[in-house]
C-alpha atoms as a PDB file:
ATOM      1  CA  MET A   1     171.251 -37.619 174.357  1.00  0.00           C
ATOM      2  CA  GLU A   2     168.353 -37.442 176.797  1.00  0.00           C
ATOM      3  CA  GLU A   3     166.322 -35.191 174.505  1.00  0.00           C
ATOM      4  CA  LEU A   4     167.124 -37.338 171.472  1.00  0.00           C
ATOM      5  CA  GLN A   5     165.920 -40.366 173.427  1.00  0.00           C
ATOM      6  CA  ARG A   6     162.643 -38.643 174.287  1.00  0.00           C
ATOM      7  CA  VAL A   7     161.673 -38.670 170.635  1.00  0.00           C
ATOM      8  CA  GLY A   8     160.942 -42.389 170.971  1.00  0.00           C
ATOM      9  CA  VAL A   9     159.579 -44.364 173.894  1.00  0.00           C
ATOM     10  CA  LEU A  10     161.109 -46.002 176.900  1.00  0.00           C
ATOM     11  CA  TYR A  11     161.621 -49.732 176.663  1.00  0.00           C
ATOM     12  CA  THR A  12     159.153 -51.931 178.515  1.00  0.00           C
ATOM     13  CA  SER A  13     159.277 -55.703 178.728  1.00  0.00           C
ATOM     14  CA  LYS A  14     155.505 -56.041 178.333  1.00  0.00           C
ATOM     15  CA  HIS A  15     153.729 -54.148 175.590  1.00  0.00           C
ATOM     16  CA  ALA A  16     150.104 -53.112 175.939  1.00  0.00           C
ATOM     17  CA  LYS A  17     147.687 -54.825 173.578  1.00  0.00           C
ATOM     18  CA  HIS A  18     145.324 -52.802 171.430  1.00  0.00           C
ATOM     19  CA  ASP A  19     141.559 -52.953 171.604  1.00  0.00           C
ATOM     20  CA  MET A  20     140.776 -51.897 168.041  1.00  0.00           C
ATOM     21  CA  SER A  21     137.139 -51.251 168.938  1.00  0.00           C
ATOM     22  CA  GLN A  22     138.314 -48.253 171.014  1.00  0.00           C
ATOM     23  CA  PRO A  23     139.532 -44.825 169.775  1.00  0.00           C
ATOM     24  CA  ILE A  24     143.282 -44.660 169.261  1.00  0.00           C
ATOM     25  CA  LEU A  25     143.357 -41.807 171.811  1.00  0.00           C
ATOM     26  CA  ALA A  26     140.839 -40.808 174.465  1.00  0.00           C
ATOM     27  CA  LEU A  27     141.332 -38.252 177.237  1.00  0.00           C
ATOM     28  CA  LYS A  28     138.796 -37.846 180.006  1.00  0.00           C
ATOM     29  CA  ASP A  29     138.783 -34.949 182.488  1.00  0.00           C
ATOM     30  CA  ILE A  30     142.576 -34.401 182.406  1.00  0.00           C
ATOM     31  CA  SER A  31     143.868 -31.709 184.763  1.00  0.00           C
ATOM     32  CA  VAL A  32     147.488 -30.762 185.483  1.00  0.00           C
ATOM     33  CA  ARG A  33     148.745 -28.248 188.034  1.00  0.00           C
ATOM     34  CA  PHE A  34     152.251 -26.862 188.503  1.00  0.00           C
ATOM     35  CA  ASN A  35     152.920 -25.256 191.902  1.00  0.00           C
ATOM     36  CA  GLY A  36     149.188 -24.929 192.410  1.00  0.00           C
ATOM     37  CA  ALA A  37     148.569 -23.154 189.086  1.00  0.00           C
ATOM     38  CA  PRO A  38     146.466 -24.898 186.420  1.00  0.00           C
ATOM     39  CA  ALA A  39     148.346 -25.918 183.263  1.00  0.00           C
ATOM     40  CA  LEU A  40     145.471 -28.028 181.883  1.00  0.00           C
ATOM     41  CA  ASP A  41     141.916 -28.040 183.196  1.00  0.00           C
ATOM     42  CA  LYS A  42     139.266 -30.687 182.478  1.00  0.00           C
ATOM     43  CA  ILE A  43     140.558 -31.761 179.054  1.00  0.00           C
ATOM     44  CA  SER A  44     138.401 -34.391 177.335  1.00  0.00           C
ATOM     45  CA  PHE A  45     138.486 -35.481 173.674  1.00  0.00           C
ATOM     46  CA  GLU A  46     138.940 -38.479 171.375  1.00  0.00           C
ATOM     47  CA  LEU A  47     140.894 -39.047 168.165  1.00  0.00           C
ATOM     48  CA  ASN A  48     140.108 -41.528 165.434  1.00  0.00           C
ATOM     49  CA  ARG A  49     142.681 -43.661 163.676  1.00  0.00           C
ATOM     50  CA  GLY A  50     144.322 -41.860 160.757  1.00  0.00           C
ATOM     51  CA  GLU A  51     143.173 -38.344 161.703  1.00  0.00           C
ATOM     52  CA  ARG A  52     145.406 -35.280 161.350  1.00  0.00           C
ATOM     53  CA  VAL A  53     144.590 -32.773 164.079  1.00  0.00           C
ATOM     54  CA  ALA A  54     146.182 -29.399 164.863  1.00  0.00           C
ATOM     55  CA  ILE A  55     146.338 -27.853 168.330  1.00  0.00           C
ATOM     56  CA  VAL A  56     146.497 -24.056 168.346  1.00  0.00           C
ATOM     57  CA  GLY A  57     146.566 -21.527 171.128  1.00  0.00           C
ATOM     58  CA  PRO A  58     148.704 -18.775 172.681  1.00  0.00           C
ATOM     59  CA  ASN A  59     152.078 -19.348 174.321  1.00  0.00           C
ATOM     60  CA  GLY A  60     151.610 -21.040 177.679  1.00  0.00           C
ATOM     61  CA  ALA A  61     148.305 -22.608 176.615  1.00  0.00           C
ATOM     62  CA  GLY A  62     149.451 -26.084 177.690  1.00  0.00           C
ATOM     63  CA  LYS A  63     150.194 -27.671 174.305  1.00  0.00           C
ATOM     64  CA  SER A  64     153.541 -29.222 175.321  1.00  0.00           C
ATOM     65  CA  THR A  65     152.098 -30.277 178.683  1.00  0.00           C
ATOM     66  CA  LEU A  66     149.282 -32.053 176.870  1.00  0.00           C
ATOM     67  CA  PHE A  67     151.779 -33.966 174.710  1.00  0.00           C
ATOM     68  CA  ASN A  68     153.756 -35.011 177.787  1.00  0.00           C
ATOM     69  CA  VAL A  69     150.578 -36.353 179.383  1.00  0.00           C
ATOM     70  CA  ILE A  70     149.549 -38.303 176.291  1.00  0.00           C
ATOM     71  CA  SER A  71     153.007 -39.847 175.874  1.00  0.00           C
ATOM     72  CA  GLY A  72     153.057 -40.944 179.516  1.00  0.00           C
ATOM     73  CA  MET A  73     156.020 -38.737 180.502  1.00  0.00           C
ATOM     74  CA  LEU A  74     153.831 -36.649 182.812  1.00  0.00           C
ATOM     75  CA  HIS A  75     151.137 -37.970 185.132  1.00  0.00           C
ATOM     76  CA  PRO A  76     148.070 -35.701 185.408  1.00  0.00           C
ATOM     77  CA  ASN A  77     146.697 -34.658 188.767  1.00  0.00           C
ATOM     78  CA  ARG A  78     143.306 -35.899 187.645  1.00  0.00           C
ATOM     79  CA  GLY A  79     141.771 -37.757 184.742  1.00  0.00           C
ATOM     80  CA  ARG A  80     142.629 -40.642 182.467  1.00  0.00           C
ATOM     81  CA  VAL A  81     144.427 -41.152 179.148  1.00  0.00           C
ATOM     82  CA  ASP A  82     143.679 -44.255 177.065  1.00  0.00           C
ATOM     83  CA  ILE A  83     145.469 -45.522 173.971  1.00  0.00           C
ATOM     84  CA  TYR A  84     143.195 -48.067 172.315  1.00  0.00           C
ATOM     85  CA  GLY A  85     141.415 -48.420 175.656  1.00  0.00           C
ATOM     86  CA  ARG A  86     144.521 -48.741 177.884  1.00  0.00           C
ATOM     87  CA  LYS A  87     146.878 -46.413 179.750  1.00  0.00           C
ATOM     88  CA  PRO A  88     149.828 -45.056 177.716  1.00  0.00           C
ATOM     89  CA  GLY A  89     152.693 -46.296 179.915  1.00  0.00           C
ATOM     90  CA  ARG A  90     153.329 -49.593 178.083  1.00  0.00           C
ATOM     91  CA  HIS A  91     152.469 -48.528 174.550  1.00  0.00           C
ATOM     92  CA  ILE A  92     155.348 -48.377 172.075  1.00  0.00           C
ATOM     93  CA  CYS A  93     153.038 -47.111 169.330  1.00  0.00           C
ATOM     94  CA  ILE A  94     153.348 -43.460 170.487  1.00  0.00           C
ATOM     95  CA  ALA A  95     156.131 -41.313 169.040  1.00  0.00           C
ATOM     96  CA  TYR A  96     156.840 -37.877 170.497  1.00  0.00           C
ATOM     97  CA  VAL A  97     158.735 -35.381 168.331  1.00  0.00           C
ATOM     98  CA  PRO A  98     159.795 -32.471 170.586  1.00  0.00           C
ATOM     99  CA  GLN A  99     160.537 -28.911 169.570  1.00  0.00           C
ATOM    100  CA  ARG A 100     163.928 -28.676 167.904  1.00  0.00           C
ATOM    101  CA  SER A 101     164.947 -25.963 170.363  1.00  0.00           C
ATOM    102  CA  GLN A 102     164.791 -28.562 173.160  1.00  0.00           C
ATOM    103  CA  VAL A 103     167.397 -30.844 171.572  1.00  0.00           C
ATOM    104  CA  ASP A 104     171.181 -30.641 171.988  1.00  0.00           C
ATOM    105  CA  TRP A 105     172.235 -31.084 168.371  1.00  0.00           C
ATOM    106  CA  ARG A 106     175.922 -31.241 169.306  1.00  0.00           C
ATOM    107  CA  PHE A 107     175.607 -34.849 170.447  1.00  0.00           C
ATOM    108  CA  PRO A 108     177.929 -36.943 168.192  1.00  0.00           C
ATOM    109  CA  VAL A 109     175.466 -39.321 166.564  1.00  0.00           C
ATOM    110  CA  ASN A 110     174.663 -39.806 162.894  1.00  0.00           C
ATOM    111  CA  VAL A 111     171.313 -39.953 161.116  1.00  0.00           C
ATOM    112  CA  SER A 112     171.128 -43.763 160.951  1.00  0.00           C
ATOM    113  CA  ASP A 113     171.819 -44.083 164.675  1.00  0.00           C
ATOM    114  CA  VAL A 114     169.066 -41.594 165.531  1.00  0.00           C
ATOM    115  CA  VAL A 115     166.561 -43.503 163.421  1.00  0.00           C
ATOM    116  CA  MET A 116     167.674 -46.824 164.945  1.00  0.00           C
ATOM    117  CA  MET A 117     166.797 -45.417 168.392  1.00  0.00           C
ATOM    118  CA  GLY A 118     163.201 -45.840 167.286  1.00  0.00           C
ATOM    119  CA  ARG A 119     163.709 -49.626 167.273  1.00  0.00           C
ATOM    120  CA  VAL A 120     164.577 -49.868 170.983  1.00  0.00           C
ATOM    121  CA  GLY A 121     160.999 -50.688 171.964  1.00  0.00           C
ATOM    122  CA  LYS A 122     160.946 -53.537 169.450  1.00  0.00           C
ATOM    123  CA  LEU A 123     164.468 -54.838 170.178  1.00  0.00           C
ATOM    124  CA  GLY A 124     164.605 -54.670 173.953  1.00  0.00           C
ATOM    125  CA  LEU A 125     167.458 -53.310 176.053  1.00  0.00           C
ATOM    126  CA  PHE A 126     171.066 -54.368 175.405  1.00  0.00           C
ATOM    127  CA  LYS A 127     170.207 -56.156 172.163  1.00  0.00           C
ATOM    128  CA  TRP A 128     171.951 -55.423 168.877  1.00  0.00           C
ATOM    129  CA  PRO A 129     169.898 -54.510 165.801  1.00  0.00           C
ATOM    130  CA  LYS A 130     169.377 -57.306 163.311  1.00  0.00           C
ATOM    131  CA  ARG A 131     169.282 -57.073 159.532  1.00  0.00           C
ATOM    132  CA  LYS A 132     165.506 -56.568 159.633  1.00  0.00           C
ATOM    133  CA  ASP A 133     165.892 -53.597 161.990  1.00  0.00           C
ATOM    134  CA  TRP A 134     168.400 -51.907 159.682  1.00  0.00           C
ATOM    135  CA  GLU A 135     166.078 -52.564 156.748  1.00  0.00           C
ATOM    136  CA  VAL A 136     163.217 -50.855 158.602  1.00  0.00           C
ATOM    137  CA  ALA A 137     165.474 -47.904 159.437  1.00  0.00           C
ATOM    138  CA  HIS A 138     166.631 -47.618 155.827  1.00  0.00           C
ATOM    139  CA  GLN A 139     163.071 -47.792 154.495  1.00  0.00           C
ATOM    140  CA  SER A 140     162.029 -45.103 156.973  1.00  0.00           C
ATOM    141  CA  LEU A 141     164.806 -42.804 155.769  1.00  0.00           C
ATOM    142  CA  GLU A 142     163.831 -43.483 152.172  1.00  0.00           C
ATOM    143  CA  LEU A 143     160.224 -42.480 152.843  1.00  0.00           C
ATOM    144  CA  VAL A 144     161.301 -39.084 154.206  1.00  0.00           C
ATOM    145  CA  GLY A 145     163.961 -38.590 151.520  1.00  0.00           C
ATOM    146  CA  MET A 146     166.946 -38.714 153.883  1.00  0.00           C
ATOM    147  CA  ASP A 147     168.611 -42.042 153.015  1.00  0.00           C
ATOM    148  CA  HIS A 148     171.419 -40.259 151.140  1.00  0.00           C
ATOM    149  CA  LEU A 149     172.438 -38.495 154.389  1.00  0.00           C
ATOM    150  CA  SER A 150     172.334 -41.558 156.634  1.00  0.00           C
ATOM    151  CA  LYS A 151     175.960 -41.138 157.783  1.00  0.00           C
ATOM    152  CA  ARG A 152     175.756 -37.385 158.346  1.00  0.00           C
ATOM    153  CA  GLN A 153     176.076 -36.098 161.927  1.00  0.00           C
ATOM    154  CA  ILE A 154     172.631 -34.970 163.090  1.00  0.00           C
ATOM    155  CA  GLY A 155     173.817 -31.494 164.085  1.00  0.00           C
ATOM    156  CA  GLU A 156     175.083 -30.802 160.553  1.00  0.00           C
ATOM    157  CA  LEU A 157     171.584 -30.989 159.078  1.00  0.00           C
ATOM    158  CA  SER A 158     169.235 -28.101 158.380  1.00  0.00           C
ATOM    159  CA  GLY A 159     166.104 -27.655 160.471  1.00  0.00           C
ATOM    160  CA  GLY A 160     163.858 -29.241 157.860  1.00  0.00           C
ATOM    161  CA  GLN A 161     166.199 -32.204 157.487  1.00  0.00           C
ATOM    162  CA  GLN A 162     166.300 -32.713 161.258  1.00  0.00           C
ATOM    163  CA  GLN A 163     162.505 -32.838 161.367  1.00  0.00           C
ATOM    164  CA  ARG A 164     162.458 -35.434 158.604  1.00  0.00           C
ATOM    165  CA  VAL A 165     164.955 -37.577 160.541  1.00  0.00           C
ATOM    166  CA  PHE A 166     162.708 -37.407 163.615  1.00  0.00           C
ATOM    167  CA  ILE A 167     159.761 -38.530 161.510  1.00  0.00           C
ATOM    168  CA  ALA A 168     161.895 -41.383 160.143  1.00  0.00           C
ATOM    169  CA  ARG A 169     162.656 -42.401 163.702  1.00  0.00           C
ATOM    170  CA  ALA A 170     158.940 -42.529 164.485  1.00  0.00           C
ATOM    171  CA  LEU A 171     158.416 -44.666 161.377  1.00  0.00           C
ATOM    172  CA  ALA A 172     161.177 -47.051 162.471  1.00  0.00           C
ATOM    173  CA  GLN A 173     159.381 -47.293 165.793  1.00  0.00           C
ATOM    174  CA  GLU A 174     156.267 -48.307 163.818  1.00  0.00           C
ATOM    175  CA  ALA A 175     154.347 -45.539 165.563  1.00  0.00           C
ATOM    176  CA  GLU A 176     150.594 -45.376 165.095  1.00  0.00           C
ATOM    177  CA  LEU A 177     150.172 -42.098 167.002  1.00  0.00           C
ATOM    178  CA  MET A 178     152.651 -39.287 166.352  1.00  0.00           C
ATOM    179  CA  LEU A 179     152.820 -36.200 168.585  1.00  0.00           C
ATOM    180  CA  MET A 180     154.645 -33.314 166.913  1.00  0.00           C
ATOM    181  CA  ASP A 181     155.390 -30.233 169.015  1.00  0.00           C
ATOM    182  CA  GLU A 182     155.635 -27.201 166.691  1.00  0.00           C
ATOM    183  CA  PRO A 183     157.456 -29.146 163.924  1.00  0.00           C
ATOM    184  CA  LEU A 184     157.082 -26.335 161.360  1.00  0.00           C
ATOM    185  CA  THR A 185     158.417 -23.463 163.479  1.00  0.00           C
ATOM    186  CA  GLY A 186     161.408 -21.770 161.857  1.00  0.00           C
ATOM    187  CA  LEU A 187     161.161 -23.695 158.575  1.00  0.00           C
ATOM    188  CA  ASP A 188     160.826 -22.009 155.202  1.00  0.00           C
ATOM    189  CA  ALA A 189     157.834 -22.647 152.937  1.00  0.00           C
ATOM    190  CA  GLN A 190     159.598 -25.324 150.896  1.00  0.00           C
ATOM    191  CA  SER A 191     160.649 -27.286 153.986  1.00  0.00           C
ATOM    192  CA  GLN A 192     157.160 -27.018 155.446  1.00  0.00           C
ATOM    193  CA  GLU A 193     155.676 -28.362 152.236  1.00  0.00           C
ATOM    194  CA  SER A 194     158.094 -31.306 152.358  1.00  0.00           C
ATOM    195  CA  ILE A 195     156.857 -32.119 155.862  1.00  0.00           C
ATOM    196  CA  PHE A 196     153.230 -32.039 154.703  1.00  0.00           C
ATOM    197  CA  GLU A 197     154.050 -34.350 151.808  1.00  0.00           C
ATOM    198  CA  ILE A 198     155.403 -36.841 154.351  1.00  0.00           C
ATOM    199  CA  LEU A 199     152.316 -36.401 156.538  1.00  0.00           C
ATOM    200  CA  ASP A 200     150.174 -37.202 153.496  1.00  0.00           C
ATOM    201  CA  LYS A 201     152.097 -40.473 153.099  1.00  0.00           C
ATOM    202  CA  LEU A 202     151.522 -41.256 156.787  1.00  0.00           C
ATOM    203  CA  ARG A 203     147.793 -40.661 156.364  1.00  0.00           C
ATOM    204  CA  ARG A 204     147.736 -43.428 153.767  1.00  0.00           C
ATOM    205  CA  ARG A 205     149.285 -45.669 156.428  1.00  0.00           C
ATOM    206  CA  ASP A 206     146.521 -44.709 158.929  1.00  0.00           C
ATOM    207  CA  VAL A 207     149.036 -42.998 161.232  1.00  0.00           C
ATOM    208  CA  THR A 208     147.268 -40.549 163.547  1.00  0.00           C
ATOM    209  CA  ILE A 209     148.990 -37.150 163.728  1.00  0.00           C
ATOM    210  CA  LEU A 210     148.576 -34.559 166.496  1.00  0.00           C
ATOM    211  CA  VAL A 211     150.500 -31.350 165.758  1.00  0.00           C
ATOM    212  CA  SER A 212     150.845 -28.155 167.763  1.00  0.00           C
ATOM    213  CA  THR A 213     151.268 -24.995 165.698  1.00  0.00           C
ATOM    214  CA  HIS A 214     150.972 -21.224 165.905  1.00  0.00           C
ATOM    215  CA  ASP A 215     149.919 -20.865 162.259  1.00  0.00           C
ATOM    216  CA  LEU A 216     146.114 -20.683 162.312  1.00  0.00           C
ATOM    217  CA  ASN A 217     145.768 -20.206 158.566  1.00  0.00           C
ATOM    218  CA  GLN A 218     147.826 -23.330 157.884  1.00  0.00           C
ATOM    219  CA  ALA A 219     145.943 -25.262 160.539  1.00  0.00           C
ATOM    220  CA  ALA A 220     142.610 -24.372 158.946  1.00  0.00           C
ATOM    221  CA  GLU A 221     143.797 -25.403 155.474  1.00  0.00           C
ATOM    222  CA  ARG A 222     145.790 -28.577 156.133  1.00  0.00           C
ATOM    223  CA  PHE A 223     144.204 -30.455 159.056  1.00  0.00           C
ATOM    224  CA  ASP A 224     141.060 -32.551 159.511  1.00  0.00           C
ATOM    225  CA  ARG A 225     140.089 -31.043 162.850  1.00  0.00           C
ATOM    226  CA  LEU A 226     141.349 -28.226 165.048  1.00  0.00           C
ATOM    227  CA  MET A 227     141.649 -27.842 168.792  1.00  0.00           C
ATOM    228  CA  LEU A 228     141.686 -24.318 170.206  1.00  0.00           C
ATOM    229  CA  LEU A 229     143.436 -24.627 173.573  1.00  0.00           C
ATOM    230  CA  ASN A 230     144.163 -22.267 176.419  1.00  0.00           C
ATOM    231  CA  ARG A 231     144.495 -24.550 179.448  1.00  0.00           C
ATOM    232  CA  GLN A 232     140.946 -25.587 178.607  1.00  0.00           C
ATOM    233  CA  ILE A 233     139.545 -26.700 175.255  1.00  0.00           C
ATOM    234  CA  ILE A 234     137.913 -23.562 173.890  1.00  0.00           C
ATOM    235  CA  GLY A 235     136.790 -25.280 170.680  1.00  0.00           C
ATOM    236  CA  PHE A 236     137.303 -28.586 168.869  1.00  0.00           C
ATOM    237  CA  GLY A 237     136.039 -29.378 165.397  1.00  0.00           C
ATOM    238  CA  GLN A 238     136.102 -28.030 161.844  1.00  0.00           C
ATOM    239  CA  ALA A 239     137.751 -24.675 161.130  1.00  0.00           C
ATOM    240  CA  ASP A 240     134.467 -22.818 160.602  1.00  0.00           C
ATOM    241  CA  GLU A 241     133.211 -24.132 163.946  1.00  0.00           C
ATOM    242  CA  VAL A 242     136.349 -23.308 165.931  1.00  0.00           C
ATOM    243  CA  PHE A 243     137.803 -20.179 164.363  1.00  0.00           C
ATOM    244  CA  THR A 244     135.003 -17.779 165.185  1.00  0.00           C
ATOM    245  CA  PRO A 245     135.623 -14.253 166.521  1.00  0.00           C
ATOM    246  CA  GLU A 246     134.064 -15.198 169.866  1.00  0.00           C
ATOM    247  CA  LEU A 247     136.203 -18.303 170.437  1.00  0.00           C
ATOM    248  CA  LEU A 248     139.391 -16.682 169.146  1.00  0.00           C
ATOM    249  CA  ASN A 249     138.868 -13.743 171.482  1.00  0.00           C
ATOM    250  CA  GLN A 250     138.276 -16.148 174.370  1.00  0.00           C
ATOM    251  CA  ALA A 251     141.472 -18.077 173.623  1.00  0.00           C
ATOM    252  CA  TYR A 252     143.780 -15.191 172.727  1.00  0.00           C
ATOM    253  CA  SER A 253     142.295 -12.429 174.894  1.00  0.00           C
ATOM    254  CA  GLY A 254     141.886 -10.109 171.931  1.00  0.00           C
ATOM    255  CA  GLN A 255     145.401 -10.709 170.539  1.00  0.00           C
ATOM    256  CA  MET A 256     144.083 -12.508 167.426  1.00  0.00           C
ATOM    257  CA  ARG A 257     141.954 -10.994 164.675  1.00  0.00           C
ATOM    258  CA  LEU A 258     139.931 -12.683 161.928  1.00  0.00           C
ATOM    259  CA  ILE A 259     139.834 -10.661 158.703  1.00  0.00           C
ATOM    260  CA  GLU A 260     137.612 -11.556 155.771  1.00  0.00           C
ATOM    261  CA  THR A 261     139.341 -11.243 152.380  1.00  0.00           C
ATOM    262  CA  PRO A 262     138.193 -12.106 148.816  1.00  0.00           C
ATOM    263  CA  ALA A 263     140.319 -15.271 149.106  1.00  0.00           C
ATOM    264  CA  GLY A 264     138.760 -16.242 152.443  1.00  0.00           C
ATOM    265  CA  ALA A 265     139.339 -15.607 156.140  1.00  0.00           C
ATOM    266  CA  MET A 266     142.805 -14.602 157.361  1.00  0.00           C
ATOM    267  CA  PHE A 267     144.015 -14.703 160.950  1.00  0.00           C
ATOM    268  CA  LEU A 268     146.329 -11.959 162.208  1.00  0.00           C
ATOM    269  CA  GLY A 269     148.137 -12.106 165.535  1.00  0.00           C
ATOM    270  CA  ASP A 270     150.299  -9.754 167.549  1.00  0.00           C
ATOM    271  CA  THR A 271     153.565 -11.468 166.568  1.00  0.00           C
ATOM    272  CA  CYS A 272     155.529 -11.542 163.341  1.00  0.00           C
ATOM    273  CA  CYS A 273     157.521 -14.345 161.831  1.00  0.00           C
ATOM    274  CA  SER A 274     161.173 -14.315 160.833  1.00  0.00           C
ATOM    275  CA  HIS A 275     162.521 -15.958 157.718  1.00  0.00           C
ATOM    276  CA  GLY A 276     162.529 -19.706 158.066  1.00  0.00           C
ATOM    277  CA  GLU A 277     165.428 -22.094 157.680  1.00  0.00           C
ATOM    278  CA  ARG A 278     165.643 -25.187 155.574  1.00  0.00           C
END
């Protein structure tokens, strides 16, 4: 239940107001240390409303730590995070979708109930959903193509279906900034394409998407900007600016190769992928 709850935001009686003249997300000089070892070091960047940005880097690069800092679940040792010019603690516009491997799918809750969890920030604690809240939840499930499975237990769904339910929950929350931690890992090509179709719909709603992924080729093809991260920001910008042999070698310590093919550049790493699930 705890991990399912983390997908949304904690309830707060006073919601932070937005200064629309400010970037939707701005980090300045963020540093995080665990037991004296640096997890993130001097991270600074800004995102614009409606952008779709991919974060790539090796295992242990700090991608999940960065998401925890942005969502307000982890306080950095140094630096500042602003959502529309204010700290993230009282914003209900941030939705965090964790890795599926972090969730206990055996918890006895159905799809509709999971999506309704996204309304907690709007409802307040100990208040029952009203007709409008159920309408928002239903519309969110419709957008991701999961309304026909609204009564299904969440653990009975495939991996791709579970990801779509999490996105529906973020929509029910009326999230403007969505943090997605490796949402495509383990999914087959068809399920991944379904997720991108949903992300295209969110772009038309000006929802800002920040996704961590290990697929560099997909990141280069499907995202507006790319962040190459290994505790520090090695590169941030367009694919041709970030995915250079020098920067890739700096980030992956020689474990990533860029190969030019007639169809374009291809990135090869030292790991292989298993068949995905739906």
